[in-house]
Protein backbone atom coordinates (compact mmCIF):
# COMPACT_ATOMS: atom_id res chain seq x y z
CA UNK A 1 -24.66 -9.51 -85.25
CA UNK A 2 -21.93 -6.81 -85.47
CA UNK A 3 -18.66 -7.04 -83.63
CA UNK A 4 -18.83 -7.25 -79.94
CA UNK A 5 -17.13 -5.43 -76.97
CA UNK A 6 -16.83 -7.01 -73.47
CA UNK A 7 -15.89 -4.88 -70.47
CA UNK A 8 -13.39 -7.04 -68.24
CA UNK A 9 -12.33 -4.71 -65.42
CA UNK A 10 -12.28 -1.00 -64.46
CA UNK A 11 -9.89 1.06 -62.32
CA UNK A 12 -11.52 4.53 -61.93
CA UNK A 13 -12.69 5.78 -65.37
CA UNK A 14 -9.96 3.38 -67.18
CA UNK A 15 -11.35 0.28 -68.85
CA UNK A 16 -9.95 -3.17 -69.70
CA UNK A 17 -11.88 -4.85 -72.45
CA UNK A 18 -11.99 -7.17 -75.36
CA UNK A 19 -13.26 -6.54 -79.02
CA UNK A 20 -14.40 -9.48 -81.04
CA UNK A 21 -14.29 -9.00 -84.80
CA UNK A 22 -14.56 -11.12 -87.76
CA UNK A 23 -10.82 -11.55 -87.99
CA UNK A 24 -10.03 -12.08 -84.49
CA UNK A 25 -10.09 -10.33 -80.82
CA UNK A 26 -8.49 -7.13 -79.77
CA UNK A 27 -7.39 -6.57 -76.10
CA UNK A 28 -8.06 -3.09 -74.91
CA UNK A 29 -6.81 -0.64 -74.22
CA UNK A 30 -5.06 -1.12 -77.61
CA UNK A 31 -2.80 0.71 -79.75
CA UNK A 32 -3.04 0.27 -83.74
CA UNK A 33 -0.02 0.67 -85.84
CA UNK A 34 -0.67 2.85 -88.91
CA UNK A 35 -0.61 0.88 -92.07
CA UNK A 36 -1.95 3.80 -94.29
CA UNK A 37 -1.34 2.30 -97.84
CA UNK A 38 -1.63 -1.33 -96.88
CA UNK A 39 1.64 -1.63 -94.97
CA UNK A 40 3.10 -0.54 -91.70
CA UNK A 41 6.21 1.31 -93.04
CA UNK A 42 9.50 -0.53 -92.63
CA UNK A 43 7.86 -3.67 -91.12
CA UNK A 44 6.75 -6.93 -92.26
CA UNK A 45 3.25 -8.09 -91.12
CA UNK A 46 4.92 -10.85 -89.19
CA UNK A 47 7.17 -8.25 -87.34
CA UNK A 48 4.04 -6.21 -86.53
CA UNK A 49 2.37 -9.24 -85.03
CA UNK A 50 5.48 -10.12 -83.06
CA UNK A 51 5.25 -6.91 -81.36
CA UNK A 52 1.95 -7.79 -79.93
CA UNK A 53 -0.12 -5.58 -82.21
CA UNK A 54 -3.46 -7.20 -82.81
CA UNK A 55 -5.07 -4.66 -85.07
CA UNK A 56 -3.74 -2.30 -87.85
CA UNK A 57 -5.14 0.79 -89.50
CA UNK A 58 -5.48 1.23 -93.13
CA UNK A 59 -6.80 4.37 -94.96
CA UNK A 60 -9.68 4.82 -97.36
CA UNK A 61 -8.23 7.78 -99.11
CA UNK A 62 -4.92 6.42 -99.88
CA UNK A 63 -6.08 2.96 -100.85
CA UNK A 64 -8.82 4.32 -103.00
CA UNK A 65 -6.21 6.43 -105.05
CA UNK A 66 -3.60 3.69 -105.36
CA UNK A 67 -4.08 0.65 -105.78
CA UNK A 68 -7.81 1.01 -105.87
CA UNK A 69 -10.60 -0.30 -103.67
CA UNK A 70 -12.12 -2.43 -106.56
CA UNK A 71 -8.58 -3.84 -107.28
CA UNK A 72 -7.90 -4.83 -103.65
CA UNK A 73 -11.32 -6.47 -103.53
CA UNK A 74 -10.76 -8.38 -106.69
CA UNK A 75 -7.48 -9.60 -105.04
CA UNK A 76 -9.24 -10.83 -102.08
CA UNK A 77 -9.42 -7.89 -99.69
CA UNK A 78 -7.07 -5.94 -97.74
CA UNK A 79 -6.32 -8.84 -95.17
CA UNK A 80 -5.13 -11.07 -97.92
CA UNK A 81 -3.55 -8.28 -100.12
CA UNK A 82 -1.29 -7.28 -97.26
CA UNK A 83 -0.95 -10.62 -95.56
CA UNK A 84 -2.44 -9.49 -92.29
CA UNK A 85 -4.91 -11.94 -90.90
CA UNK A 86 -6.01 -10.06 -87.89
CA UNK A 87 -8.52 -7.22 -87.60
CA UNK A 88 -8.11 -4.02 -89.68
CA UNK A 89 -9.81 -0.67 -89.02
CA UNK A 90 -9.91 1.77 -91.94
CA UNK A 91 -9.94 5.67 -91.50
CA UNK A 92 -12.69 7.11 -93.67
CA UNK A 93 -10.55 9.43 -95.57
CA UNK A 94 -11.97 12.52 -93.63
CA UNK A 95 -8.69 13.66 -92.16
CA UNK A 96 -6.81 13.52 -95.38
CA UNK A 97 -9.51 15.50 -97.20
CA UNK A 98 -9.16 18.12 -94.65
CA UNK A 99 -5.47 18.42 -95.23
CA UNK A 100 -6.12 19.07 -98.79
CA UNK A 101 -7.59 22.42 -98.36
CA UNK A 102 -5.98 23.82 -101.73
CA UNK A 103 -7.23 20.77 -103.62
CA UNK A 104 -10.79 20.10 -102.46
CA UNK A 105 -14.37 21.48 -102.94
CA UNK A 106 -16.66 20.67 -99.92
CA UNK A 107 -20.48 20.63 -100.42
CA UNK A 108 -23.25 19.36 -98.37
CA UNK A 109 -23.20 16.04 -100.18
CA UNK A 110 -19.56 15.31 -100.02
CA UNK A 111 -16.07 16.34 -101.28
CA UNK A 112 -14.53 16.63 -104.70
CA UNK A 113 -10.76 16.73 -104.56
CA UNK A 114 -7.74 16.34 -106.77
CA UNK A 115 -5.38 13.53 -106.30
CA UNK A 116 -2.06 14.71 -104.84
CA UNK A 117 -0.50 11.61 -106.82
CA UNK A 118 -1.53 12.61 -110.42
CA UNK A 119 -4.09 15.51 -110.31
CA UNK A 120 -7.02 13.32 -111.23
CA UNK A 121 -10.40 14.47 -109.83
CA UNK A 122 -12.11 12.10 -107.25
CA UNK A 123 -15.42 12.34 -105.36
CA UNK A 124 -15.99 11.08 -101.69
CA UNK A 125 -19.46 11.03 -100.17
CA UNK A 126 -20.43 9.12 -97.11
CA UNK A 127 -21.88 6.18 -99.02
CA UNK A 128 -18.71 6.05 -101.30
CA UNK A 129 -16.41 6.00 -98.28
CA UNK A 130 -18.58 3.19 -96.70
CA UNK A 131 -18.48 1.24 -99.98
CA UNK A 132 -14.70 1.52 -100.33
CA UNK A 133 -14.22 0.25 -96.77
CA UNK A 134 -16.61 -2.59 -97.51
CA UNK A 135 -14.58 -3.37 -100.63
CA UNK A 136 -11.35 -3.28 -98.50
CA UNK A 137 -13.00 -5.82 -95.94
CA UNK A 138 -12.33 -3.57 -92.85
CA UNK A 139 -13.40 -5.19 -89.76
CA UNK A 140 -14.27 -1.65 -88.36
CA UNK A 141 -15.47 0.84 -90.74
CA UNK A 142 -15.11 4.69 -89.79
CA UNK A 143 -17.93 7.13 -90.67
CA UNK A 144 -17.04 9.72 -93.21
CA UNK A 145 -16.48 13.05 -91.58
CA UNK A 146 -15.17 16.53 -91.98
CA UNK A 147 -12.33 16.76 -89.43
CA UNK A 148 -12.58 20.24 -88.11
CA UNK A 149 -9.44 22.29 -88.45
CA UNK A 150 -7.57 24.17 -85.76
CA UNK A 151 -7.64 26.90 -84.84
CA UNK A 152 -11.38 27.36 -85.26
CA UNK A 153 -14.24 29.73 -84.16
CA UNK A 154 -17.23 28.10 -82.53
CA UNK A 155 -19.76 28.86 -85.35
CA UNK A 156 -17.39 27.21 -87.96
CA UNK A 157 -16.85 24.19 -85.62
CA UNK A 158 -20.79 23.90 -85.14
CA UNK A 159 -21.36 24.01 -88.91
CA UNK A 160 -18.45 21.20 -89.44
CA UNK A 161 -19.79 19.09 -86.68
CA UNK A 162 -23.46 19.18 -87.80
CA UNK A 163 -22.39 18.34 -91.58
CA UNK A 164 -20.58 15.26 -90.01
CA UNK A 165 -23.52 14.27 -88.14
CA UNK A 166 -25.81 14.33 -91.48
CA UNK A 167 -22.98 12.31 -93.03
CA UNK A 168 -22.97 9.82 -90.19
CA UNK A 169 -26.50 9.09 -90.42
CA UNK A 170 -26.10 8.54 -94.30
CA UNK A 171 -23.11 6.20 -93.60
CA UNK A 172 -25.14 4.23 -91.16
CA UNK A 173 -27.80 3.61 -93.64
CA UNK A 174 -25.18 2.64 -96.32
CA UNK A 175 -23.42 0.08 -94.14
CA UNK A 176 -23.99 -3.58 -94.72
CA UNK A 177 -24.33 -5.17 -91.29
CA UNK A 178 -22.62 -8.73 -91.09
CA UNK A 179 -21.09 -10.63 -88.20
CA UNK A 180 -17.97 -9.48 -86.76
CA UNK A 181 -18.02 -6.24 -88.69
CA UNK A 182 -18.84 -2.79 -87.25
CA UNK A 183 -19.16 0.85 -87.79
CA UNK A 184 -17.88 3.70 -85.54
CA UNK A 185 -19.41 7.13 -85.41
CA UNK A 186 -17.05 10.17 -84.83
CA UNK A 187 -17.64 12.67 -82.22
CA UNK A 188 -16.66 16.27 -83.50
CA UNK A 189 -17.08 19.69 -82.13
CA UNK A 190 -13.57 20.82 -81.69
CA UNK A 191 -12.79 22.00 -77.99
CA UNK A 192 -16.32 23.37 -77.35
CA UNK A 193 -18.05 21.16 -74.85
CA UNK A 194 -21.61 22.06 -75.95
CA UNK A 195 -20.92 21.09 -79.64
CA UNK A 196 -19.10 17.85 -78.34
CA UNK A 197 -22.25 16.97 -76.17
CA UNK A 198 -24.60 17.71 -79.17
CA UNK A 199 -22.47 15.59 -81.33
CA UNK A 200 -22.29 12.57 -78.97
CA UNK A 201 -26.04 12.83 -78.44
CA UNK A 202 -26.60 12.70 -82.31
CA UNK A 203 -24.38 9.81 -82.72
CA UNK A 204 -26.00 7.83 -79.87
CA UNK A 205 -29.49 8.32 -81.28
CA UNK A 206 -28.26 6.87 -84.72
CA UNK A 207 -26.61 4.01 -82.95
CA UNK A 208 -22.99 2.74 -83.78
CA UNK A 209 -20.83 -0.23 -82.75
CA UNK A 210 -18.22 2.19 -81.30
CA UNK A 211 -17.57 5.83 -80.74
CA UNK A 212 -14.40 7.74 -81.83
CA UNK A 213 -13.23 11.10 -80.72
CA UNK A 214 -12.01 13.11 -83.86
CA UNK A 215 -10.68 16.64 -84.34
CA UNK A 216 -8.09 16.30 -81.46
CA UNK A 217 -4.37 16.17 -81.68
CA UNK A 218 -4.52 18.67 -84.33
CA UNK A 219 -2.70 21.56 -82.67
CA UNK A 220 -4.83 22.41 -79.61
CA UNK A 221 -2.34 21.15 -77.07
CA UNK A 222 -2.45 18.47 -74.34
CA UNK A 223 -4.39 20.61 -71.65
CA UNK A 224 -7.27 21.26 -74.08
CA UNK A 225 -7.17 17.72 -75.53
CA UNK A 226 -7.61 16.25 -71.96
CA UNK A 227 -10.28 18.85 -70.87
CA UNK A 228 -12.17 17.85 -73.89
CA UNK A 229 -11.87 14.26 -73.20
CA UNK A 230 -13.06 15.02 -69.54
CA UNK A 231 -16.33 16.44 -70.87
CA UNK A 232 -16.91 14.25 -73.76
CA UNK A 233 -16.21 10.74 -72.51
CA UNK A 234 -19.30 10.84 -69.92
CA UNK A 235 -21.45 11.34 -73.08
CA UNK A 236 -20.64 8.09 -74.69
CA UNK A 237 -22.29 4.72 -74.27
CA UNK A 238 -20.38 2.56 -71.54
CA UNK A 239 -20.88 -0.65 -73.40
CA UNK A 240 -19.16 0.35 -76.62
CA UNK A 241 -15.37 0.71 -77.41
CA UNK A 242 -13.97 4.36 -77.47
CA UNK A 243 -11.33 5.50 -79.89
CA UNK A 244 -9.23 8.46 -79.65
CA UNK A 245 -8.02 9.10 -83.27
CA UNK A 246 -4.51 10.18 -84.12
CA UNK A 247 -2.96 9.92 -80.59
CA UNK A 248 -0.18 10.10 -79.80
CA UNK A 249 2.89 10.25 -77.61
CA UNK A 250 3.13 7.73 -74.75
CA UNK A 251 2.14 10.24 -72.01
CA UNK A 252 -0.95 11.27 -74.16
CA UNK A 253 -1.96 7.62 -74.38
CA UNK A 254 -1.67 7.08 -70.66
CA UNK A 255 -3.58 10.29 -69.82
CA UNK A 256 -6.38 9.31 -72.22
CA UNK A 257 -6.63 5.77 -70.80
CA UNK A 258 -7.08 7.35 -67.41
CA UNK A 259 -10.20 9.05 -68.86
CA UNK A 260 -11.69 5.99 -70.44
CA UNK A 261 -10.32 5.64 -73.96
CA UNK A 262 -10.02 2.12 -75.17
CA UNK A 263 -8.34 2.50 -78.67
CA UNK A 264 -5.74 4.66 -80.27
CA UNK A 265 -3.59 5.10 -83.48
CA UNK A 266 -0.71 7.28 -84.41
CA UNK A 267 2.01 7.56 -86.95
CA UNK A 268 4.53 8.84 -84.22
CA UNK A 269 6.25 5.44 -83.50
CA UNK A 270 6.76 4.33 -87.01
CA UNK A 271 7.64 7.98 -88.37
CA UNK A 272 10.02 8.39 -85.49
CA UNK A 273 11.80 5.13 -86.18
CA UNK A 274 12.46 6.30 -89.87
CA UNK A 275 13.95 9.53 -88.56
CA UNK A 276 16.52 8.00 -86.02
CA UNK A 277 14.10 8.67 -82.98
CA UNK A 278 13.53 6.01 -80.31
CA UNK A 279 11.06 5.85 -77.52
CA UNK A 280 12.13 4.50 -74.31
CA UNK A 281 11.05 4.17 -70.67
CA UNK A 282 13.37 7.21 -69.87
CA UNK A 283 12.09 9.38 -72.70
CA UNK A 284 13.17 9.83 -76.17
CA UNK A 285 16.64 9.32 -77.94
CA UNK A 286 17.98 10.58 -81.10
CA UNK A 287 20.17 7.65 -82.29
CA UNK A 288 21.72 10.18 -84.93
CA UNK A 289 23.65 11.96 -82.19
CA UNK A 290 27.46 11.40 -81.91
CA UNK A 291 27.18 10.35 -78.20
CA UNK A 292 25.74 6.99 -79.25
CA UNK A 293 28.71 6.18 -81.64
CA UNK A 294 30.65 3.94 -79.05
CA UNK A 295 27.74 3.13 -76.74
CA UNK A 296 27.65 -0.75 -76.36
CA UNK A 297 24.26 -0.62 -74.59
CA UNK A 298 20.78 -1.31 -76.17
CA UNK A 299 18.47 1.36 -76.76
CA UNK A 300 16.38 0.27 -73.70
CA UNK A 301 17.69 -2.54 -71.37
CA UNK A 302 14.15 -3.67 -70.29
CA UNK A 303 12.85 -4.06 -73.92
CA UNK A 304 12.76 -7.45 -75.63
CA UNK A 305 12.45 -6.29 -79.37
CA UNK A 306 15.22 -7.53 -81.84
CA UNK A 307 16.81 -4.08 -81.91
CA UNK A 308 17.49 -4.13 -78.23
CA UNK A 309 18.24 -7.87 -77.92
CA UNK A 310 20.68 -8.01 -80.63
CA UNK A 311 22.23 -4.73 -81.34
CA UNK A 312 23.97 -1.86 -79.46
CA UNK A 313 23.26 1.90 -79.90
CA UNK A 314 26.81 2.08 -81.46
CA UNK A 315 25.52 -0.30 -84.25
CA UNK A 316 22.19 1.58 -84.57
CA UNK A 317 24.05 4.82 -84.80
CA UNK A 318 26.29 3.42 -87.54
CA UNK A 319 23.34 2.24 -89.63
CA UNK A 320 21.59 5.73 -89.28
CA UNK A 321 24.66 7.61 -90.20
CA UNK A 322 25.35 5.29 -93.26
CA UNK A 323 21.68 5.63 -94.43
CA UNK A 324 21.24 1.88 -94.30
CA UNK A 325 17.54 0.73 -94.59
CA UNK A 326 17.97 -1.75 -91.59
CA UNK A 327 18.31 1.23 -89.13
CA UNK A 328 14.82 2.51 -89.87
CA UNK A 329 13.45 -1.07 -89.73
CA UNK A 330 15.02 -1.87 -86.31
CA UNK A 331 13.98 1.50 -84.80
CA UNK A 332 10.52 1.12 -86.08
CA UNK A 333 10.32 -2.37 -84.56
CA UNK A 334 11.54 -1.02 -81.42
CA UNK A 335 9.24 1.83 -81.12
CA UNK A 336 5.93 -0.29 -82.06
CA UNK A 337 7.01 -2.88 -79.47
CA UNK A 338 7.54 -0.23 -76.86
CA UNK A 339 4.10 1.14 -77.63
CA UNK A 340 2.59 -2.29 -77.14
CA UNK A 341 4.64 -2.66 -73.90
CA UNK A 342 2.82 0.49 -72.63
CA UNK A 343 -0.56 -1.15 -73.51
CA UNK A 344 0.31 -4.47 -71.98
CA UNK A 345 1.25 -2.56 -68.80
CA UNK A 346 -2.04 -0.56 -68.73
CA UNK A 347 -4.12 -3.64 -69.24
CA UNK A 348 -2.41 -5.47 -66.43
CA UNK A 349 -2.50 -2.48 -64.07
CA UNK A 350 -6.17 -2.01 -64.67
CA UNK A 351 -6.93 -5.67 -64.17
CA UNK A 352 -5.09 -5.54 -60.81
CA UNK A 353 -6.58 -2.24 -59.68
CA UNK A 354 -3.19 -0.62 -59.50
CA UNK A 355 -3.35 1.84 -62.48
CA UNK A 356 -2.45 4.79 -60.00
CA UNK A 357 0.76 3.18 -58.88
CA UNK A 358 1.58 2.01 -62.58
CA UNK A 359 1.24 5.61 -63.87
CA UNK A 360 3.39 6.91 -60.98
CA UNK A 361 6.06 4.65 -61.82
CA UNK A 362 5.63 5.32 -65.52
CA UNK A 363 6.02 9.30 -64.97
CA UNK A 364 8.98 8.88 -62.51
CA UNK A 365 10.81 6.74 -65.06
CA UNK A 366 10.14 9.01 -67.96
CA UNK A 367 11.29 12.03 -65.83
CA UNK A 368 14.66 10.68 -65.12
CA UNK A 369 15.71 10.88 -68.60
CA UNK A 370 18.44 8.79 -70.41
CA UNK A 371 21.82 7.87 -68.52
CA UNK A 372 24.79 8.67 -70.69
CA UNK A 373 27.27 6.04 -71.27
CA UNK A 374 30.10 5.73 -68.86
């Protein structure tokens, strides 16, 4: 028996569900903080859990290079290694390999690449990616794919997608089925509806525990991303979770939930926290700006995170200007907490059948912008 997905409520195309894994449940729609190298940057595992996060993301590519999947397995698996008892999803490494265009050699069997850390040569195939994720003990394993670049012509996108479909079939064969663990296929095809439909059909025929939409949020823009979701989502099984990879800003997540997406990940809230940026109900703030230096208010008066409960904008501005590590920690905590507040709000609205009203209020609040201190 693999992991299970239960659909609890719907409001239009939006879905409220629950994924049950070997290491616990995940309420959906869900946002997964990115813990690329076995840590959500600038946060302890306990702090991540206190935001309401139930699942985190790790990465095959980075963990295979350092400290090594075999070493993590020897030390008890990634859950024990990073002290995260909840579910973990691991990205297959396909996106990172795409980004190494100057350091890789792609062939029909897999990818040979040089490590950006020390220049050593490594090989990733669909089977090796699945093996690494098994060694890491990922609850949700992702198929190894080639993330199609952007911009791209349709023939190149078609070749890339069909290669990924062959790799998906090989990965499905290599995956070791066990209770509470699952394998997701990744729909590719860039922004071409016919290619997306072909990819979804191929993956559905192979059969996966969930389906991801890859190759978006790579520069195509919101309009193309949403139109691609509009044509792709109806092609996916209704009884399996759907995961939009690498998205994104709060408004992108809300729009994707409207279209039936269940799971998200993005480095944005953590990266922003390390660069003085805060997400709030009234938009984004740059705490480095001088206008915050005597502002006694919290980042967001409606937020219950430690940064907002215990500290002023003036203090956070001081930390950032002084290059104190605590500034990055508090802003990261706030951003991840805010993202989880969005997910809590979306889940509640779908359950209540009031998603339209919730989104209207969300858009109106975002549109008002921050109010300067008096």
